[in-house]
């Protein structure tokens, strides 16, 4: 679930959709999925893990290197946030 949610943000950063479209897609996914309370409580941790994983993957994709820094910053993954 967190993987899909973060990828909506990534697609917005890449210019493949607007930030508003990404937010709408995230809201629709959560609404449709209807995760249990325990799952909702864990989403933030998984969100951070996905963002960190994407940093590692996109570091080796020169075209997208500048894309992941804002993605990480938004998730509070960067050191000192």
N, C-alpha and C. Protein backbone atom coordinates (compact mmCIF):
# COMPACT_ATOMS: atom_id res chain seq x y z
N UNK A 1 0.83 -1.19 0.00
CA UNK A 1 0.00 0.00 0.00
C UNK A 1 0.88 1.25 0.00
N UNK A 2 1.85 1.29 0.89
CA UNK A 2 2.74 2.45 0.95
C UNK A 2 3.52 2.61 -0.34
N UNK A 3 3.91 1.50 -0.95
CA UNK A 3 4.64 1.56 -2.21
C UNK A 3 3.83 2.30 -3.27
N UNK A 4 2.57 1.97 -3.40
CA UNK A 4 1.71 2.64 -4.38
C UNK A 4 1.54 4.11 -4.02
N UNK A 5 1.33 4.42 -2.75
CA UNK A 5 1.14 5.80 -2.33
C UNK A 5 2.36 6.66 -2.65
N UNK A 6 3.53 6.14 -2.37
CA UNK A 6 4.76 6.89 -2.65
C UNK A 6 4.97 7.03 -4.15
N UNK A 7 4.64 6.01 -4.91
CA UNK A 7 4.81 6.10 -6.36
C UNK A 7 3.90 7.16 -6.98
N UNK A 8 2.75 7.42 -6.38
CA UNK A 8 1.93 8.53 -6.87
C UNK A 8 2.69 9.85 -6.71
N UNK A 9 3.35 10.04 -5.57
CA UNK A 9 4.17 11.24 -5.37
C UNK A 9 5.32 11.29 -6.37
N UNK A 10 5.96 10.15 -6.58
CA UNK A 10 7.07 10.08 -7.53
C UNK A 10 6.61 10.49 -8.92
N UNK A 11 5.48 9.98 -9.35
CA UNK A 11 4.99 10.32 -10.69
C UNK A 11 4.72 11.82 -10.81
N UNK A 12 4.24 12.43 -9.75
CA UNK A 12 4.04 13.88 -9.77
C UNK A 12 5.38 14.60 -9.88
N UNK A 13 6.38 14.14 -9.13
CA UNK A 13 7.72 14.73 -9.20
C UNK A 13 8.31 14.59 -10.59
N UNK A 14 8.00 13.50 -11.26
CA UNK A 14 8.52 13.25 -12.60
C UNK A 14 7.73 14.00 -13.67
N UNK A 15 6.67 14.67 -13.27
CA UNK A 15 5.86 15.42 -14.22
C UNK A 15 4.87 14.57 -15.00
N UNK A 16 4.64 13.37 -14.53
CA UNK A 16 3.72 12.46 -15.23
C UNK A 16 2.27 12.68 -14.81
N UNK A 17 2.08 13.42 -13.73
CA UNK A 17 0.75 13.84 -13.31
C UNK A 17 0.95 15.07 -12.43
N UNK A 18 -0.13 15.74 -12.09
CA UNK A 18 -0.02 16.90 -11.21
C UNK A 18 -0.02 16.43 -9.75
N UNK A 19 0.41 17.31 -8.87
CA UNK A 19 0.38 16.99 -7.44
C UNK A 19 -1.05 16.74 -6.99
N UNK A 20 -1.98 17.50 -7.55
CA UNK A 20 -3.39 17.32 -7.20
C UNK A 20 -3.90 15.95 -7.64
N UNK A 21 -3.49 15.53 -8.83
CA UNK A 21 -3.89 14.20 -9.31
C UNK A 21 -3.29 13.10 -8.43
N UNK A 22 -2.05 13.29 -8.02
CA UNK A 22 -1.41 12.31 -7.15
C UNK A 22 -2.14 12.21 -5.82
N UNK A 23 -2.49 13.35 -5.25
CA UNK A 23 -3.21 13.35 -3.97
C UNK A 23 -4.58 12.70 -4.12
N UNK A 24 -5.26 12.99 -5.23
CA UNK A 24 -6.57 12.38 -5.47
C UNK A 24 -6.45 10.87 -5.63
N UNK A 25 -5.42 10.42 -6.32
CA UNK A 25 -5.20 8.98 -6.50
C UNK A 25 -4.91 8.31 -5.16
N UNK A 26 -4.10 8.97 -4.33
CA UNK A 26 -3.79 8.42 -3.01
C UNK A 26 -5.06 8.30 -2.16
N UNK A 27 -5.86 9.35 -2.17
CA UNK A 27 -7.10 9.34 -1.38
C UNK A 27 -8.04 8.25 -1.88
N UNK A 28 -8.14 8.09 -3.20
CA UNK A 28 -9.01 7.06 -3.77
C UNK A 28 -8.52 5.66 -3.41
N UNK A 29 -7.21 5.47 -3.43
CA UNK A 29 -6.67 4.16 -3.07
C UNK A 29 -6.97 3.82 -1.62
N UNK A 30 -6.73 4.76 -0.73
CA UNK A 30 -7.01 4.54 0.70
C UNK A 30 -8.50 4.29 0.90
N UNK A 31 -9.32 5.09 0.24
CA UNK A 31 -10.77 4.94 0.37
C UNK A 31 -11.24 3.57 -0.14
N UNK A 32 -10.71 3.16 -1.27
CA UNK A 32 -11.10 1.88 -1.84
C UNK A 32 -10.54 0.69 -1.10
N UNK A 33 -9.32 0.81 -0.63
CA UNK A 33 -8.65 -0.29 0.07
C UNK A 33 -9.22 -0.49 1.47
N UNK A 34 -9.57 0.62 2.12
CA UNK A 34 -10.10 0.62 3.47
C UNK A 34 -9.23 -0.19 4.43
N UNK A 35 -7.98 0.24 4.61
CA UNK A 35 -7.08 -0.52 5.48
C UNK A 35 -7.54 -0.50 6.94
N UNK A 36 -7.22 -1.58 7.62
CA UNK A 36 -7.52 -1.67 9.05
C UNK A 36 -6.68 -0.65 9.80
N UNK A 37 -7.07 -0.38 11.03
CA UNK A 37 -6.37 0.61 11.86
C UNK A 37 -4.89 0.26 11.98
N UNK A 38 -4.58 -1.00 12.22
CA UNK A 38 -3.18 -1.40 12.38
C UNK A 38 -2.37 -1.11 11.12
N UNK A 39 -2.97 -1.33 9.98
CA UNK A 39 -2.29 -1.05 8.71
C UNK A 39 -2.07 0.45 8.56
N UNK A 40 -3.08 1.23 8.86
CA UNK A 40 -2.96 2.70 8.77
C UNK A 40 -1.83 3.20 9.68
N UNK A 41 -1.69 2.59 10.84
CA UNK A 41 -0.66 3.01 11.78
C UNK A 41 0.74 2.70 11.27
N UNK A 42 0.87 1.71 10.42
CA UNK A 42 2.19 1.33 9.90
C UNK A 42 2.55 2.01 8.58
N UNK A 43 1.60 2.65 7.95
CA UNK A 43 1.86 3.24 6.63
C UNK A 43 3.03 4.22 6.66
N UNK A 44 3.14 5.04 7.68
CA UNK A 44 4.22 6.04 7.74
C UNK A 44 5.60 5.38 7.74
N UNK A 45 5.74 4.28 8.45
CA UNK A 45 7.03 3.58 8.50
C UNK A 45 7.36 2.96 7.15
N UNK A 46 6.37 2.32 6.55
CA UNK A 46 6.58 1.73 5.23
C UNK A 46 6.81 2.81 4.17
N UNK A 47 6.14 3.94 4.32
CA UNK A 47 6.32 5.08 3.42
C UNK A 47 7.78 5.52 3.44
N UNK A 48 8.35 5.66 4.63
CA UNK A 48 9.75 6.07 4.76
C UNK A 48 10.68 5.04 4.13
N UNK A 49 10.38 3.76 4.32
CA UNK A 49 11.22 2.70 3.74
C UNK A 49 11.16 2.73 2.21
N UNK A 50 9.99 2.95 1.66
CA UNK A 50 9.85 3.02 0.20
C UNK A 50 10.62 4.20 -0.35
N UNK A 51 10.52 5.34 0.31
CA UNK A 51 11.23 6.54 -0.15
C UNK A 51 12.74 6.31 -0.12
N UNK A 52 13.23 5.66 0.92
CA UNK A 52 14.66 5.36 1.00
C UNK A 52 15.08 4.38 -0.09
N UNK A 53 14.26 3.38 -0.33
CA UNK A 53 14.55 2.42 -1.41
C UNK A 53 14.59 3.12 -2.76
N UNK A 54 13.67 4.02 -3.00
CA UNK A 54 13.65 4.75 -4.27
C UNK A 54 14.89 5.62 -4.43
N UNK A 55 15.40 6.17 -3.34
CA UNK A 55 16.65 6.93 -3.41
C UNK A 55 17.75 6.04 -3.95
N UNK A 56 17.84 4.83 -3.42
CA UNK A 56 18.88 3.90 -3.87
C UNK A 56 18.70 3.55 -5.34
N UNK A 57 17.49 3.26 -5.76
CA UNK A 57 17.23 2.88 -7.15
C UNK A 57 17.49 4.04 -8.10
N UNK A 58 16.98 5.21 -7.78
CA UNK A 58 17.07 6.34 -8.70
C UNK A 58 18.43 7.03 -8.69
N UNK A 59 19.28 6.70 -7.75
CA UNK A 59 20.65 7.21 -7.75
C UNK A 59 21.38 6.74 -9.00
N UNK A 60 21.01 5.58 -9.49
CA UNK A 60 21.66 5.01 -10.68
C UNK A 60 20.93 5.35 -11.98
N UNK A 61 19.98 6.23 -11.91
CA UNK A 61 19.24 6.68 -13.10
C UNK A 61 19.45 8.19 -13.23
N UNK A 62 20.50 8.58 -13.95
CA UNK A 62 20.87 10.00 -14.02
C UNK A 62 19.71 10.94 -14.37
N UNK A 63 18.82 10.51 -15.22
CA UNK A 63 17.71 11.36 -15.63
C UNK A 63 16.82 11.76 -14.45
N UNK A 64 16.76 10.90 -13.44
CA UNK A 64 15.82 11.12 -12.34
C UNK A 64 16.49 11.45 -11.01
N UNK A 65 17.80 11.60 -10.99
CA UNK A 65 18.50 11.84 -9.71
C UNK A 65 17.93 13.03 -8.95
N UNK A 66 17.63 14.11 -9.65
CA UNK A 66 17.11 15.30 -8.97
C UNK A 66 15.66 15.13 -8.52
N UNK A 67 15.01 14.10 -8.99
CA UNK A 67 13.61 13.87 -8.67
C UNK A 67 13.42 13.31 -7.27
N UNK A 68 14.34 12.48 -6.82
CA UNK A 68 14.10 11.79 -5.55
C UNK A 68 14.39 12.62 -4.32
N UNK A 69 15.26 13.61 -4.41
CA UNK A 69 15.55 14.43 -3.22
C UNK A 69 14.28 15.08 -2.66
N UNK A 70 13.47 15.75 -3.48
CA UNK A 70 12.23 16.30 -2.92
C UNK A 70 11.28 15.22 -2.41
N UNK A 71 11.30 14.07 -3.04
CA UNK A 71 10.46 12.96 -2.61
C UNK A 71 10.86 12.51 -1.21
N UNK A 72 12.16 12.44 -0.97
CA UNK A 72 12.64 12.05 0.36
C UNK A 72 12.36 13.13 1.38
N UNK A 73 12.58 14.38 0.99
CA UNK A 73 12.35 15.49 1.90
C UNK A 73 10.89 15.53 2.35
N UNK A 74 10.00 15.28 1.41
CA UNK A 74 8.57 15.29 1.73
C UNK A 74 8.22 14.20 2.74
N UNK A 75 8.92 13.09 2.66
CA UNK A 75 8.62 11.99 3.57
C UNK A 75 9.33 12.09 4.91
N UNK A 76 10.17 13.11 5.09
CA UNK A 76 10.88 13.26 6.35
C UNK A 76 11.96 12.22 6.54
N UNK A 77 12.48 11.68 5.43
CA UNK A 77 13.48 10.62 5.51
C UNK A 77 14.88 11.18 5.65
N UNK A 78 15.11 12.37 5.15
CA UNK A 78 16.46 12.93 5.18
C UNK A 78 16.93 13.12 6.61
N UNK A 79 18.20 12.93 6.82
CA UNK A 79 18.78 13.08 8.15
C UNK A 79 18.55 14.50 8.65
N UNK A 80 18.13 14.61 9.88
CA UNK A 80 17.91 15.92 10.47
C UNK A 80 16.48 16.43 10.32
N UNK A 81 15.60 15.63 9.76
CA UNK A 81 14.21 16.09 9.62
C UNK A 81 13.33 15.34 10.58
